[in-house]
Structures are given as structure tokens and as C-alpha cells.
PDB file of N, CA and C in Angstrom:
ATOM      1  N   MET A   1       0.810  -1.096  -0.237  1.00  0.00           N
ATOM      2  CA  MET A   1      -0.214  -0.138   0.123  1.00  0.00           C
ATOM      3  C   MET A   1       0.410   1.343   0.080  1.00  0.00           C
ATOM      4  N   ASP A   2       0.569   1.908  -1.264  1.00  0.00           N
ATOM      5  CA  ASP A   2       1.304   3.518  -0.800  1.00  0.00           C
ATOM      6  C   ASP A   2       0.423   4.888  -0.126  1.00  0.00           C
ATOM      7  N   PHE A   3       1.271   5.534  -0.551  1.00  0.00           N
ATOM      8  CA  PHE A   3       0.529   6.707   0.098  1.00  0.00           C
ATOM      9  C   PHE A   3      -0.816   7.410  -1.108  1.00  0.00           C
ATOM     10  N   THR A   4      -1.039   6.854  -2.111  1.00  0.00           N
ATOM     11  CA  THR A   4      -2.142   7.666  -2.504  1.00  0.00           C
ATOM     12  C   THR A   4      -3.150   6.702  -2.314  1.00  0.00           C
ATOM     13  N   ASN A   5      -2.931   5.604  -1.757  1.00  0.00           N
ATOM     14  CA  ASN A   5      -4.654   4.595  -1.859  1.00  0.00           C
ATOM     15  C   ASN A   5      -4.878   5.234  -0.381  1.00  0.00           C
ATOM     16  N   LEU A   6      -4.344   6.119   0.310  1.00  0.00           N
ATOM     17  CA  LEU A   6      -4.946   6.147   1.672  1.00  0.00           C
ATOM     18  C   LEU A   6      -6.240   7.335   1.714  1.00  0.00           C
ATOM     19  N   SER A   7      -6.492   7.820   0.499  1.00  0.00           N
ATOM     20  CA  SER A   7      -7.543   8.600   0.851  1.00  0.00           C
ATOM     21  C   SER A   7      -8.907   8.374   0.781  1.00  0.00           C
ATOM     22  N   LYS A   8      -9.166   6.857   1.035  1.00  0.00           N
ATOM     23  CA  LYS A   8     -10.130   6.286   1.421  1.00  0.00           C
ATOM     24  C   LYS A   8     -10.351   6.152   2.581  1.00  0.00           C
ATOM     25  N   TYR A   9      -9.339   6.500   3.137  1.00  0.00           N
ATOM     26  CA  TYR A   9      -9.194   6.215   5.059  1.00  0.00           C
ATOM     27  C   TYR A   9      -8.920   7.712   6.052  1.00  0.00           C
ATOM     28  N   ILE A  10      -8.817   8.044   4.995  1.00  0.00           N
ATOM     29  CA  ILE A  10      -8.759   9.145   5.705  1.00  0.00           C
ATOM     30  C   ILE A  10     -10.225  10.329   6.545  1.00  0.00           C
ATOM     31  N   ASN A  11     -11.014   9.829   6.231  1.00  0.00           N
ATOM     32  CA  ASN A  11     -12.510  10.325   6.784  1.00  0.00           C
ATOM     33  C   ASN A  11     -13.294   9.607   7.569  1.00  0.00           C
ATOM     34  N   ARG A  12     -12.407   8.477   8.043  1.00  0.00           N
ATOM     35  CA  ARG A  12     -12.982   7.552   9.015  1.00  0.00           C
ATOM     36  C   ARG A  12     -12.356   7.739  10.112  1.00  0.00           C
ATOM     37  N   LEU A  13     -12.799   8.419  11.468  1.00  0.00           N
ATOM     38  CA  LEU A  13     -13.187   9.035  13.137  1.00  0.00           C
ATOM     39  C   LEU A  13     -11.830   7.320  13.454  1.00  0.00           C
ATOM     40  N   ASP A  14     -12.525   6.530  13.562  1.00  0.00           N
ATOM     41  CA  ASP A  14     -11.569   5.638  14.654  1.00  0.00           C
ATOM     42  C   ASP A  14      -9.995   5.602  13.550  1.00  0.00           C
ATOM     43  N   LEU A  15      -9.869   5.540  12.628  1.00  0.00           N
ATOM     44  CA  LEU A  15      -8.624   5.288  11.927  1.00  0.00           C
ATOM     45  C   LEU A  15      -7.430   6.552  12.326  1.00  0.00           C
ATOM     46  N   ILE A  16      -8.171   8.146  12.134  1.00  0.00           N
ATOM     47  CA  ILE A  16      -8.200   9.196  12.353  1.00  0.00           C
ATOM     48  C   ILE A  16      -7.611   9.149  13.797  1.00  0.00           C
ATOM     49  N   LYS A  17      -8.462   9.003  14.733  1.00  0.00           N
ATOM     50  CA  LYS A  17      -7.698   9.046  16.007  1.00  0.00           C
ATOM     51  C   LYS A  17      -6.717   7.639  16.186  1.00  0.00           C
ATOM     52  N   ASP A  18      -7.003   6.934  15.794  1.00  0.00           N
ATOM     53  CA  ASP A  18      -5.495   6.132  16.117  1.00  0.00           C
ATOM     54  C   ASP A  18      -4.307   6.479  15.132  1.00  0.00           C
ATOM     55  N   THR A  19      -4.592   7.353  14.459  1.00  0.00           N
ATOM     56  CA  THR A  19      -3.102   7.868  13.527  1.00  0.00           C
ATOM     57  C   THR A  19      -2.783   8.838  14.738  1.00  0.00           C
ATOM     58  N   ALA A  20      -3.284   9.905  14.928  1.00  0.00           N
ATOM     59  CA  ALA A  20      -3.276  10.732  15.814  1.00  0.00           C
ATOM     60  C   ALA A  20      -2.772  10.580  17.282  1.00  0.00           C
ATOM     61  N   SER A  21      -3.191   9.158  18.026  1.00  0.00           N
ATOM     62  CA  SER A  21      -2.162   8.772  19.025  1.00  0.00           C
ATOM     63  C   SER A  21      -0.908   8.369  18.291  1.00  0.00           C
ATOM     64  N   GLN A  22      -0.890   7.461  17.031  1.00  0.00           N
ATOM     65  CA  GLN A  22       0.697   6.896  16.958  1.00  0.00           C
ATOM     66  C   GLN A  22       1.289   8.293  16.546  1.00  0.00           C
ATOM     67  N   ILE A  23       1.195   9.169  16.285  1.00  0.00           N
ATOM     68  CA  ILE A  23       1.822  10.661  15.742  1.00  0.00           C
ATOM     69  C   ILE A  23       2.347  11.478  17.409  1.00  0.00           C
ATOM     70  N   ILE A  24       1.487  10.917  18.397  1.00  0.00           N
ATOM     71  CA  ILE A  24       2.007  11.599  19.694  1.00  0.00           C
ATOM     72  C   ILE A  24       2.328  10.320  20.368  1.00  0.00           C
ATOM     73  N   LYS A  25       2.381   9.398  20.604  1.00  0.00           N
ATOM     74  CA  LYS A  25       2.985   8.298  20.605  1.00  0.00           C
ATOM     75  C   LYS A  25       4.565   8.404  20.409  1.00  0.00           C
ATOM     76  N   ASP A  26       4.977   8.832  18.576  1.00  0.00           N
ATOM     77  CA  ASP A  26       6.497   8.531  18.255  1.00  0.00           C
ATOM     78  C   ASP A  26       6.800  10.049  18.406  1.00  0.00           C
ATOM     79  N   PHE A  27       5.847  10.959  18.917  1.00  0.00           N
ATOM     80  CA  PHE A  27       6.597  12.455  18.869  1.00  0.00           C
ATOM     81  C   PHE A  27       7.237  12.715  20.473  1.00  0.00           C
ATOM     82  N   ASP A  28       6.428  11.903  21.426  1.00  0.00           N
ATOM     83  CA  ASP A  28       6.988  12.234  22.336  1.00  0.00           C
ATOM     84  C   ASP A  28       7.787  11.502  23.058  1.00  0.00           C
ATOM     85  N   MET A  29       8.067  10.317  22.418  1.00  0.00           N
ATOM     86  CA  MET A  29       9.180   9.660  23.013  1.00  0.00           C
ATOM     87  C   MET A  29      10.634  10.198  22.743  1.00  0.00           C
ATOM     88  N   PHE A  30      10.675  11.749  21.356  1.00  0.00           N
ATOM     89  CA  PHE A  30      11.662  12.377  21.087  1.00  0.00           C
ATOM     90  C   PHE A  30      11.540  13.654  22.027  1.00  0.00           C
ATOM     91  N   GLY A  31      10.727  14.017  23.033  1.00  0.00           N
ATOM     92  CA  GLY A  31      10.682  14.452  24.061  1.00  0.00           C
ATOM     93  C   GLY A  31       9.721  15.991  23.454  1.00  0.00           C
ATOM     94  N   MET A  32       8.754  15.727  22.272  1.00  0.00           N
ATOM     95  CA  MET A  32       8.049  16.053  21.900  1.00  0.00           C
ATOM     96  C   MET A  32       6.567  16.538  21.863  1.00  0.00           C
ATOM     97  N   GLU A  33       5.759  17.878  22.170  1.00  0.00           N
ATOM     98  CA  GLU A  33       4.343  17.601  22.255  1.00  0.00           C
ATOM     99  C   GLU A  33       3.049  17.756  21.536  1.00  0.00           C
ATOM    100  N   VAL A  34       2.623  16.628  21.211  1.00  0.00           N
ATOM    101  CA  VAL A  34       1.613  16.910  19.690  1.00  0.00           C
ATOM    102  C   VAL A  34      -0.112  16.500  20.676  1.00  0.00           C
ATOM    103  N   LYS A  35      -0.975  17.833  20.545  1.00  0.00           N
ATOM    104  CA  LYS A  35      -2.148  17.146  20.841  1.00  0.00           C
ATOM    105  C   LYS A  35      -2.728  17.140  20.187  1.00  0.00           C
ATOM    106  N   PHE A  36      -4.560  16.113  20.356  1.00  0.00           N
ATOM    107  CA  PHE A  36      -5.507  15.708  19.250  1.00  0.00           C
ATOM    108  C   PHE A  36      -6.408  16.150  19.817  1.00  0.00           C
ATOM    109  N   SER A  37      -7.371  16.937  19.320  1.00  0.00           N
ATOM    110  CA  SER A  37      -8.944  17.627  19.821  1.00  0.00           C
ATOM    111  C   SER A  37      -9.647  16.588  19.833  1.00  0.00           C
ATOM    112  N   GLY A  38      -9.729  15.451  18.761  1.00  0.00           N
ATOM    113  CA  GLY A  38     -10.698  14.130  18.453  1.00  0.00           C
ATOM    114  C   GLY A  38     -11.625  15.182  17.561  1.00  0.00           C
ATOM    115  N   ASN A  39     -11.209  15.866  17.032  1.00  0.00           N
ATOM    116  CA  ASN A  39     -12.301  16.715  15.812  1.00  0.00           C
ATOM    117  C   ASN A  39     -11.581  16.136  13.793  1.00  0.00           C
ATOM    118  N   ALA A  40     -12.047  15.127  13.677  1.00  0.00           N
ATOM    119  CA  ALA A  40     -11.661  14.536  12.233  1.00  0.00           C
ATOM    120  C   ALA A  40     -11.794  15.339  11.123  1.00  0.00           C
ATOM    121  N   PHE A  41     -12.923  16.153  11.398  1.00  0.00           N
ATOM    122  CA  PHE A  41     -13.107  16.963  10.194  1.00  0.00           C
ATOM    123  C   PHE A  41     -11.682  18.259   9.780  1.00  0.00           C
ATOM    124  N   ASN A  42     -11.003  18.498  11.072  1.00  0.00           N
ATOM    125  CA  ASN A  42      -9.602  19.209  10.777  1.00  0.00           C
ATOM    126  C   ASN A  42      -8.465  18.666  10.929  1.00  0.00           C
ATOM    127  N   ALA A  43      -8.445  17.268  11.057  1.00  0.00           N
ATOM    128  CA  ALA A  43      -7.612  16.460  11.748  1.00  0.00           C
ATOM    129  C   ALA A  43      -5.930  16.617  11.438  1.00  0.00           C
ATOM    130  N   TYR A  44      -6.314  16.408  10.113  1.00  0.00           N
ATOM    131  CA  TYR A  44      -4.942  16.656   8.723  1.00  0.00           C
ATOM    132  C   TYR A  44      -4.038  17.941   9.258  1.00  0.00           C
ATOM    133  N   GLU A  45      -4.647  18.770   9.148  1.00  0.00           N
ATOM    134  CA  GLU A  45      -4.432  20.312   9.233  1.00  0.00           C
ATOM    135  C   GLU A  45      -3.906  20.779  10.837  1.00  0.00           C
ATOM    136  N   GLU A  46      -4.761  20.114  11.418  1.00  0.00           N
ATOM    137  CA  GLU A  46      -4.446  20.168  13.058  1.00  0.00           C
ATOM    138  C   GLU A  46      -2.916  19.446  13.794  1.00  0.00           C
ATOM    139  N   LEU A  47      -3.022  18.319  13.054  1.00  0.00           N
ATOM    140  CA  LEU A  47      -1.955  17.432  13.035  1.00  0.00           C
ATOM    141  C   LEU A  47      -0.590  18.394  12.405  1.00  0.00           C
ATOM    142  N   PHE A  48      -1.109  18.831  11.307  1.00  0.00           N
ATOM    143  CA  PHE A  48       0.028  19.327  10.209  1.00  0.00           C
ATOM    144  C   PHE A  48       0.668  20.427  11.094  1.00  0.00           C
ATOM    145  N   GLU A  49      -0.198  21.494  11.539  1.00  0.00           N
ATOM    146  CA  GLU A  49       0.507  22.518  12.330  1.00  0.00           C
ATOM    147  C   GLU A  49       1.053  22.300  13.720  1.00  0.00           C
ATOM    148  N   GLN A  50       0.993  21.292  14.353  1.00  0.00           N
ATOM    149  CA  GLN A  50       1.471  20.733  15.357  1.00  0.00           C
ATOM    150  C   GLN A  50       3.186  19.869  15.191  1.00  0.00           C
ATOM    151  N   VAL A  51       2.783  19.237  14.302  1.00  0.00           N
ATOM    152  CA  VAL A  51       4.264  18.514  13.574  1.00  0.00           C
ATOM    153  C   VAL A  51       5.010  19.296  13.205  1.00  0.00           C
ATOM    154  N   GLU A  52       4.851  20.138  12.345  1.00  0.00           N
ATOM    155  CA  GLU A  52       5.240  20.505  11.528  1.00  0.00           C
ATOM    156  C   GLU A  52       6.623  21.727  12.116  1.00  0.00           C
ATOM    157  N   PRO A  53       6.424  22.567  12.877  1.00  0.00           N
ATOM    158  CA  PRO A  53       7.215  23.334  13.545  1.00  0.00           C
ATOM    159  C   PRO A  53       7.990  22.649  14.557  1.00  0.00           C
ATOM    160  N   HIS A  54       7.973  21.017  14.546  1.00  0.00           N
ATOM    161  CA  HIS A  54       8.466  20.200  15.562  1.00  0.00           C
ATOM    162  C   HIS A  54       9.978  20.003  14.292  1.00  0.00           C
ATOM    163  N   ILE A  55       9.558  19.530  13.186  1.00  0.00           N
ATOM    164  CA  ILE A  55      10.616  19.270  12.176  1.00  0.00           C
ATOM    165  C   ILE A  55      11.677  20.145  11.519  1.00  0.00           C
ATOM    166  N   SER A  56      10.576  21.774  11.350  1.00  0.00           N
ATOM    167  CA  SER A  56      11.476  22.324  11.001  1.00  0.00           C
ATOM    168  C   SER A  56      12.960  22.640  12.143  1.00  0.00           C
ATOM    169  N   LYS A  57      12.520  22.950  13.666  1.00  0.00           N
ATOM    170  CA  LYS A  57      13.550  22.633  14.290  1.00  0.00           C
ATOM    171  C   LYS A  57      14.890  21.915  14.273  1.00  0.00           C
ATOM    172  N   LEU A  58      14.019  20.847  14.354  1.00  0.00           N
ATOM    173  CA  LEU A  58      14.715  19.422  14.090  1.00  0.00           C
ATOM    174  C   LEU A  58      15.761  19.914  12.715  1.00  0.00           C
ATOM    175  N   ILE A  59      15.277  19.918  12.233  1.00  0.00           N
ATOM    176  CA  ILE A  59      15.906  20.394  10.708  1.00  0.00           C
ATOM    177  C   ILE A  59      17.068  20.893  10.881  1.00  0.00           C
ATOM    178  N   SER A  60      16.604  22.096  11.478  1.00  0.00           N
ATOM    179  CA  SER A  60      17.693  23.128  11.836  1.00  0.00           C
ATOM    180  C   SER A  60      18.782  23.043  12.784  1.00  0.00           C
ATOM    181  N   SER A  61      18.090  22.393  13.877  1.00  0.00           N
ATOM    182  CA  SER A  61      19.152  22.403  14.963  1.00  0.00           C
ATOM    183  C   SER A  61      19.528  20.806  15.290  1.00  0.00           C
ATOM    184  N   ASN A  62      18.841  19.865  15.274  1.00  0.00           N
ATOM    185  CA  ASN A  62      19.383  18.833  15.588  1.00  0.00           C
ATOM    186  C   ASN A  62      19.215  17.224  14.755  1.00  0.00           C
ATOM    187  N   HIS A  63      19.879  17.871  14.416  1.00  0.00           N
ATOM    188  CA  HIS A  63      20.161  16.407  12.619  1.00  0.00           C
ATOM    189  C   HIS A  63      19.521  15.115  13.388  1.00  0.00           C
ATOM    190  N   GLN A  64      20.243  14.382  14.032  1.00  0.00           N
ATOM    191  CA  GLN A  64      20.604  13.175  14.814  1.00  0.00           C
ATOM    192  C   GLN A  64      19.543  12.780  15.479  1.00  0.00           C
ATOM    193  N   LYS A  65      18.673  14.059  16.166  1.00  0.00           N
ATOM    194  CA  LYS A  65      17.146  13.584  16.259  1.00  0.00           C
ATOM    195  C   LYS A  65      16.156  13.366  15.027  1.00  0.00           C
ATOM    196  N   PHE A  66      16.549  14.394  14.498  1.00  0.00           N
ATOM    197  CA  PHE A  66      15.323  14.530  13.176  1.00  0.00           C
ATOM    198  C   PHE A  66      15.422  13.152  12.880  1.00  0.00           C
ATOM    199  N   LEU A  67      16.805  12.482  12.179  1.00  0.00           N
ATOM    200  CA  LEU A  67      17.153  11.043  11.899  1.00  0.00           C
ATOM    201  C   LEU A  67      16.258  10.208  12.750  1.00  0.00           C
ATOM    202  N   GLY A  68      16.322  10.130  13.530  1.00  0.00           N
ATOM    203  CA  GLY A  68      16.077   9.304  14.614  1.00  0.00           C
ATOM    204  C   GLY A  68      14.513   9.121  14.945  1.00  0.00           C
ATOM    205  N   ILE A  69      13.466  10.254  14.665  1.00  0.00           N
ATOM    206  CA  ILE A  69      12.306  10.681  14.393  1.00  0.00           C
ATOM    207  C   ILE A  69      11.955   9.718  13.105  1.00  0.00           C
ATOM    208  N   LEU A  70      12.256  10.097  12.124  1.00  0.00           N
ATOM    209  CA  LEU A  70      11.892   9.110  10.701  1.00  0.00           C
ATOM    210  C   LEU A  70      12.796   8.143  10.848  1.00  0.00           C
ATOM    211  N   TYR A  71      13.783   7.388  11.277  1.00  0.00           N
ATOM    212  CA  TYR A  71      13.737   5.839  11.788  1.00  0.00           C
ATOM    213  C   TYR A  71      12.635   5.226  12.363  1.00  0.00           C
ATOM    214  N   ARG A  72      12.078   5.479  13.829  1.00  0.00           N
ATOM    215  CA  ARG A  72      11.170   5.271  14.253  1.00  0.00           C
ATOM    216  C   ARG A  72       9.880   5.047  13.725  1.00  0.00           C
ATOM    217  N   ILE A  73       9.496   6.253  12.481  1.00  0.00           N
ATOM    218  CA  ILE A  73       8.335   6.838  12.196  1.00  0.00           C
ATOM    219  C   ILE A  73       8.499   5.596  11.094  1.00  0.00           C
ATOM    220  N   ASP A  74       9.666   5.327  10.306  1.00  0.00           N
ATOM    221  CA  ASP A  74       9.848   4.525   9.317  1.00  0.00           C
ATOM    222  C   ASP A  74       9.917   5.308   7.889  1.00  0.00           C
ATOM    223  N   LEU A  75      10.589   6.482   7.818  1.00  0.00           N
ATOM    224  CA  LEU A  75      10.566   7.126   6.568  1.00  0.00           C
ATOM    225  C   LEU A  75      12.029   7.450   6.124  1.00  0.00           C
ATOM    226  N   ASN A  76      11.996   6.423   4.179  1.00  0.00           N
ATOM    227  CA  ASN A  76      13.458   6.461   4.139  1.00  0.00           C
ATOM    228  C   ASN A  76      13.778   8.058   3.450  1.00  0.00           C
ATOM    229  N   GLU A  77      15.406   7.864   3.046  1.00  0.00           N
ATOM    230  CA  GLU A  77      15.726   9.057   2.825  1.00  0.00           C
ATOM    231  C   GLU A  77      14.925   8.507   1.215  1.00  0.00           C
ATOM    232  N   GLU A  78      14.543   7.644   0.230  1.00  0.00           N
ATOM    233  CA  GLU A  78      14.306   7.790  -1.133  1.00  0.00           C
ATOM    234  C   GLU A  78      12.923   8.294  -1.192  1.00  0.00           C
ATOM    235  N   GLN A  79      11.891   7.786  -0.052  1.00  0.00           N
ATOM    236  CA  GLN A  79      10.922   8.284   0.114  1.00  0.00           C
ATOM    237  C   GLN A  79      10.610  10.072   0.258  1.00  0.00           C
ATOM    238  N   ILE A  80      11.761  10.773   1.034  1.00  0.00           N
ATOM    239  CA  ILE A  80      11.826  12.075   0.665  1.00  0.00           C
ATOM    240  C   ILE A  80      12.203  12.279  -0.124  1.00  0.00           C
ATOM    241  N   LYS A  81      13.438  11.848  -1.023  1.00  0.00           N
ATOM    242  CA  LYS A  81      13.772  12.294  -1.794  1.00  0.00           C
ATOM    243  C   LYS A  81      12.483  12.593  -3.148  1.00  0.00           C
ATOM    244  N   LYS A  82      12.316  11.296  -3.370  1.00  0.00           N
ATOM    245  CA  LYS A  82      11.283  11.474  -4.067  1.00  0.00           C
ATOM    246  C   LYS A  82       9.613  12.666  -4.175  1.00  0.00           C
ATOM    247  N   ALA A  83       9.543  13.124  -3.050  1.00  0.00           N
ATOM    248  CA  ALA A  83       8.725  13.871  -2.856  1.00  0.00           C
ATOM    249  C   ALA A  83       9.095  15.165  -2.655  1.00  0.00           C
ATOM    250  N   VAL A  84      10.190  15.188  -2.407  1.00  0.00           N
ATOM    251  CA  VAL A  84      10.885  16.832  -2.281  1.00  0.00           C
ATOM    252  C   VAL A  84      10.555  17.108  -4.202  1.00  0.00           C
ATOM    253  N   HIS A  85      11.063  15.891  -4.722  1.00  0.00           N
ATOM    254  CA  HIS A  85      11.536  16.412  -6.823  1.00  0.00           C
ATOM    255  C   HIS A  85       9.959  16.843  -6.549  1.00  0.00           C
ATOM    256  N   GLU A  86       8.996  16.244  -6.194  1.00  0.00           N
ATOM    257  CA  GLU A  86       7.488  15.929  -6.654  1.00  0.00           C
ATOM    258  C   GLU A  86       7.046  17.053  -6.465  1.00  0.00           C
ATOM    259  N   ASN A  87       7.318  17.599  -5.216  1.00  0.00           N
ATOM    260  CA  ASN A  87       6.881  18.956  -4.404  1.00  0.00           C
ATOM    261  C   ASN A  87       7.535  20.076  -4.222  1.00  0.00           C
ATOM    262  N   SER A  88       8.437  20.356  -5.244  1.00  0.00           N
ATOM    263  CA  SER A  88       9.573  21.573  -5.163  1.00  0.00           C
ATOM    264  C   SER A  88       9.517  22.795  -4.368  1.00  0.00           C
ATOM    265  N   SER A  89       7.905  23.078  -4.650  1.00  0.00           N
ATOM    266  CA  SER A  89       7.510  24.205  -4.443  1.00  0.00           C
ATOM    267  C   SER A  89       7.465  24.573  -2.863  1.00  0.00           C
ATOM    268  N   GLU A  90       7.063  23.303  -1.783  1.00  0.00           N
ATOM    269  CA  GLU A  90       6.806  23.364  -1.057  1.00  0.00           C
ATOM    270  C   GLU A  90       8.331  23.259   0.056  1.00  0.00           C
ATOM    271  N   SER A  91       8.167  23.703   1.682  1.00  0.00           N
ATOM    272  CA  SER A  91       8.905  23.733   1.923  1.00  0.00           C
ATOM    273  C   SER A  91       9.456  22.539   2.303  1.00  0.00           C
ATOM    274  N   PHE A  92      10.907  22.085   2.936  1.00  0.00           N
ATOM    275  CA  PHE A  92      11.676  20.537   2.838  1.00  0.00           C
ATOM    276  C   PHE A  92      10.668  20.478   4.599  1.00  0.00           C
ATOM    277  N   SER A  93      10.610  20.851   5.196  1.00  0.00           N
ATOM    278  CA  SER A  93       9.687  20.599   6.613  1.00  0.00           C
ATOM    279  C   SER A  93       8.232  20.508   6.384  1.00  0.00           C
ATOM    280  N   ALA A  94       7.479  21.002   5.715  1.00  0.00           N
ATOM    281  CA  ALA A  94       6.456  20.428   5.071  1.00  0.00           C
ATOM    282  C   ALA A  94       5.832  19.516   4.768  1.00  0.00           C
ATOM    283  N   ILE A  95       7.206  18.959   4.042  1.00  0.00           N
ATOM    284  CA  ILE A  95       6.887  17.722   2.647  1.00  0.00           C
ATOM    285  C   ILE A  95       6.919  16.875   4.015  1.00  0.00           C
ATOM    286  N   VAL A  96       8.037  16.843   4.240  1.00  0.00           N
ATOM    287  CA  VAL A  96       8.770  15.604   5.418  1.00  0.00           C
ATOM    288  C   VAL A  96       7.229  15.742   6.603  1.00  0.00           C
ATOM    289  N   THR A  97       6.743  16.500   7.008  1.00  0.00           N
ATOM    290  CA  THR A  97       5.923  16.521   7.600  1.00  0.00           C
ATOM    291  C   THR A  97       4.432  15.878   6.943  1.00  0.00           C
ATOM    292  N   ASP A  98       3.935  16.378   6.113  1.00  0.00           N
ATOM    293  CA  ASP A  98       3.127  15.494   5.285  1.00  0.00           C
ATOM    294  C   ASP A  98       3.569  13.954   5.142  1.00  0.00           C
ATOM    295  N   LEU A  99       4.806  13.815   4.916  1.00  0.00           N
ATOM    296  CA  LEU A  99       5.650  12.243   4.762  1.00  0.00           C
ATOM    297  C   LEU A  99       4.658  11.349   5.914  1.00  0.00           C
ATOM    298  N   ILE A 100       5.225  12.176   7.121  1.00  0.00           N
ATOM    299  CA  ILE A 100       5.306  11.375   8.351  1.00  0.00           C
ATOM    300  C   ILE A 100       3.273  11.449   8.786  1.00  0.00           C
ATOM    301  N   ILE A 101       2.556  12.001   8.666  1.00  0.00           N
ATOM    302  CA  ILE A 101       1.340  12.192   8.715  1.00  0.00           C
ATOM    303  C   ILE A 101       0.510  10.714   8.223  1.00  0.00           C
ATOM    304  N   LYS A 102       0.745  10.909   6.399  1.00  0.00           N
ATOM    305  CA  LYS A 102       0.416   9.621   5.893  1.00  0.00           C
ATOM    306  C   LYS A 102       1.051   8.411   5.877  1.00  0.00           C
ATOM    307  N   ARG A 103       2.589   8.739   6.410  1.00  0.00           N
ATOM    308  CA  ARG A 103       2.823   6.949   6.906  1.00  0.00           C
ATOM    309  C   ARG A 103       2.290   6.727   8.423  1.00  0.00           C
ATOM    310  N   GLU A 104       2.225   7.099   8.967  1.00  0.00           N
ATOM    311  CA  GLU A 104       1.622   7.016  10.795  1.00  0.00           C
ATOM    312  C   GLU A 104       0.290   6.383  10.102  1.00  0.00           C
ATOM    313  N   LEU A 105      -0.614   7.168   8.886  1.00  0.00           N
ATOM    314  CA  LEU A 105      -1.993   7.038   8.961  1.00  0.00           C
ATOM    315  C   LEU A 105      -1.777   5.429   8.069  1.00  0.00           C
ATOM    316  N   GLN A 106      -0.897   5.181   7.325  1.00  0.00           N
ATOM    317  CA  GLN A 106      -0.511   4.148   6.913  1.00  0.00           C
ATOM    318  C   GLN A 106      -0.261   2.808   7.353  1.00  0.00           C
ATOM    319  N   LYS A 107       0.297   3.059   8.635  1.00  0.00           N
ATOM    320  CA  LYS A 107       0.016   2.183   9.565  1.00  0.00           C
ATOM    321  C   LYS A 107      -0.495   1.354  10.270  1.00  0.00           C
ATOM    322  N   VAL A 108      -1.317   2.599  10.505  1.00  0.00           N
ATOM    323  CA  VAL A 108      -2.677   2.439  11.191  1.00  0.00           C
ATOM    324  C   VAL A 108      -3.490   1.366  10.328  1.00  0.00           C
ATOM    325  N   VAL A 109      -4.038   1.777   9.161  1.00  0.00           N
ATOM    326  CA  VAL A 109      -4.655   0.847   8.233  1.00  0.00           C
ATOM    327  C   VAL A 109      -3.512  -0.044   8.239  1.00  0.00           C
ATOM    328  N   ILE A 110      -2.806  -0.365   7.796  1.00  0.00           N
ATOM    329  CA  ILE A 110      -2.170  -2.313   7.705  1.00  0.00           C
ATOM    330  C   ILE A 110      -2.486  -2.808   8.967  1.00  0.00           C
ATOM    331  N   ARG A 111      -2.470  -2.096  10.196  1.00  0.00           N
ATOM    332  CA  ARG A 111      -2.608  -2.409  11.421  1.00  0.00           C
ATOM    333  C   ARG A 111      -3.875  -2.765  11.512  1.00  0.00           C
ATOM    334  N   ASN A 112      -4.644  -2.154  11.926  1.00  0.00           N
ATOM    335  CA  ASN A 112      -6.476  -2.594  11.243  1.00  0.00           C
ATOM    336  C   ASN A 112      -6.527  -3.810  10.352  1.00  0.00           C
ATOM    337  N   HIS A 113      -6.342  -3.324   9.161  1.00  0.00           N
ATOM    338  CA  HIS A 113      -5.956  -5.102   8.252  1.00  0.00           C
ATOM    339  C   HIS A 113      -5.880  -6.160   8.857  1.00  0.00           C
ATOM    340  N   TYR A 114      -4.934  -6.055   9.386  1.00  0.00           N
ATOM    341  CA  TYR A 114      -3.875  -7.339   9.656  1.00  0.00           C
ATOM    342  C   TYR A 114      -4.842  -7.862  11.124  1.00  0.00           C
ATOM    343  N   LYS A 115      -5.048  -6.952  12.150  1.00  0.00           N
ATOM    344  CA  LYS A 115      -6.009  -6.965  13.372  1.00  0.00           C
ATOM    345  C   LYS A 115      -7.218  -7.702  12.735  1.00  0.00           C
ATOM    346  N   SER A 116      -8.048  -7.185  11.583  1.00  0.00           N
ATOM    347  CA  SER A 116      -9.570  -8.084  11.408  1.00  0.00           C
ATOM    348  C   SER A 116      -9.702  -9.147  10.518  1.00  0.00           C
ATOM    349  N   LYS A 117      -8.511  -9.727  10.026  1.00  0.00           N
ATOM    350  CA  LYS A 117      -8.396 -11.311   9.643  1.00  0.00           C
ATOM    351  C   LYS A 117      -8.172 -12.018  10.547  1.00  0.00           C
TER     352      LYS A 117
END
């Protein structure tokens, strides 16, 4: 499953809440606070607005921690390079933040798929 197949899951409240929980847990491991109101209608924007400043700060001030969170979330260099190439008008931190949210959603969808079998 790639990121393009995730659009049909973006409106499922249970998956959105699980995705937010996963993001909160992963960022908490690195001492960064992310909160989620539970509102699925603007979940992406809410999470993006909180995650992007953390990513931007890590990129400029703590490269090791930045790499650590990418490893924890399971984003690799090739995925990032491809996204940067496809979205050259976006800032690097915005591209990485988008990938983080989509990867966390992908993990939740895959986990739920196999849990239901």
C-alpha cells in the first residue's frame, strides 16, 4: 500500500484517532508534545500545524534527533527524495511533515487490516 491509496481512509474517525495517537506516541518518545482535539474534520491540518514546527526545528538544530524520528516513523531517504522532487514548491519541513502524517496513517490502516483477519 502506498500513500496514494490512503484517501479512502482519511475520513474514518477511528483511523484518524489511531493515527493521531501514533503520532503523539512517536513524538513523545523524542520529548516533543503533540495534541489532538479529536475533531476528524480538520485532523490533518491540526496535526500538520503541530508537527511541522517540530520538524522544522529539528532540521535546523538537531539533525540526529531528526534522523531518529524518521527512523522511528519508518520514512526512508528515497521516499523523502521522491516527495521533494514531486513537490519542489513546498518547504522541506512541510514535505517531511506530510510524509510523516501519511506514513502514520498507513501504519494504522495496515495494522487494522491484519487485526481484522
